[in-house]
Protein backbone atom coordinates (compact mmCIF):
# COMPACT_ATOMS: atom_id res chain seq x y z
CA MET A 1 -9.03 13.74 -30.96
CA GLY A 2 -10.60 15.59 -33.59
CA LEU A 3 -13.33 18.58 -33.41
CA ILE A 4 -16.24 16.26 -34.40
CA THR A 5 -15.03 13.28 -32.03
CA GLY A 6 -14.62 15.78 -29.28
CA LEU A 7 -18.02 17.40 -29.58
CA LEU A 8 -19.70 13.86 -29.87
CA THR A 9 -18.06 12.59 -26.86
CA LEU A 10 -18.48 15.96 -24.83
CA PRO A 11 -21.36 14.55 -22.85
CA LEU A 12 -18.80 11.83 -21.45
CA ALA A 13 -16.54 14.39 -20.09
CA PRO A 14 -17.91 14.04 -16.59
CA LEU A 15 -17.58 10.19 -16.66
CA ARG A 16 -13.92 10.42 -17.86
CA GLY A 17 -13.09 13.05 -15.01
CA THR A 18 -14.84 10.73 -12.55
CA ALA A 19 -12.97 7.72 -13.91
CA TRP A 20 -9.60 9.57 -13.65
CA VAL A 21 -9.98 10.56 -10.04
CA LEU A 22 -11.11 7.17 -8.88
CA ASP A 23 -7.81 5.92 -10.75
CA GLN A 24 -5.98 8.55 -8.62
CA VAL A 25 -7.56 7.16 -5.46
CA ILE A 26 -6.88 3.53 -6.05
CA THR A 27 -3.27 4.30 -6.82
CA GLN A 28 -2.81 6.12 -3.94
CA ALA A 29 -4.64 3.60 -2.01
CA GLU A 30 -2.15 0.95 -3.13
CA ARG A 31 0.80 2.95 -2.40
CA GLU A 32 -0.14 3.15 1.19
CA PHE A 33 -1.45 -0.36 1.34
CA TYR A 34 1.85 -1.94 -0.17
CA ASP A 35 4.33 0.57 1.73
CA PRO A 36 6.62 -1.38 4.00
CA GLU A 37 7.41 1.58 6.37
CA PRO A 38 4.47 1.28 8.71
CA VAL A 39 5.41 -2.72 9.05
CA ARG A 40 8.97 -1.74 10.02
CA ARG A 41 7.71 0.85 12.44
CA GLU A 42 5.18 -2.02 13.92
CA LEU A 43 8.38 -4.20 14.38
CA ALA A 44 10.17 -1.53 16.23
CA ASP A 45 7.13 -0.65 18.76
CA LEU A 46 6.78 -4.50 19.11
CA GLU A 47 10.48 -4.42 20.23
CA ARG A 48 10.11 -1.69 22.60
CA GLU A 49 7.18 -3.48 24.08
CA LEU A 50 9.33 -6.31 24.80
CA LEU A 51 12.05 -4.46 26.22
CA GLU A 52 9.79 -2.61 28.43
CA GLY A 53 7.98 -5.58 29.71
CA ARG A 54 4.54 -5.14 28.25
CA ILE A 55 4.48 -8.27 26.38
CA ASP A 56 6.54 -11.77 26.77
CA GLU A 57 8.78 -13.40 24.62
CA GLU A 58 6.12 -15.82 23.35
CA GLU A 59 3.87 -12.92 22.15
CA PHE A 60 6.89 -11.27 20.69
CA ASP A 61 7.69 -14.07 18.51
CA ALA A 62 4.19 -14.81 17.26
CA SER A 63 3.64 -11.04 16.19
CA GLU A 64 7.35 -10.76 14.98
CA ASP A 65 6.96 -13.65 12.61
CA GLU A 66 3.72 -12.23 11.38
CA LEU A 67 5.17 -8.85 10.57
CA LEU A 68 8.55 -10.31 9.14
CA ASP A 69 6.34 -12.55 7.07
CA LYS A 70 4.40 -9.37 5.61
CA LEU A 71 7.53 -7.28 5.23
CA GLU A 72 9.19 -10.14 3.14
CA TRP A 73 6.03 -10.13 0.91
CA LEU A 74 5.92 -6.43 0.52
CA GLU A 75 9.63 -6.19 -0.40
CA ALA A 76 9.41 -9.04 -2.67
CA ARG A 77 6.32 -7.20 -4.43
CA GLN A 78 8.41 -4.29 -5.12
CA ARG A 79 11.30 -6.00 -6.27
CA ARG A 80 8.67 -7.84 -8.70
CA LEU A 81 7.30 -4.20 -9.84
CA SER A 82 10.85 -2.94 -10.12
CA ALA A 83 12.20 -5.55 -12.42
CA HIS A 84 9.41 -4.71 -15.00
């Protein structure tokens, strides 16, 4: 960026800074949203609830199926991103 271009675009600096911050927030939110670790913890908690008798087999199976589907989707997404 040349001196003239830098001076002419100086009024846009706050906008570029705001855009950068928003990009960082979105990136972090996506990292957290697509992280499979919370789903694994939920599966472990679910199994604990079953073993402690707080839920029955039917409720366990339904919840486990949902969590396993979500985990499979997250892991497939990670594999697709790693392939690129």
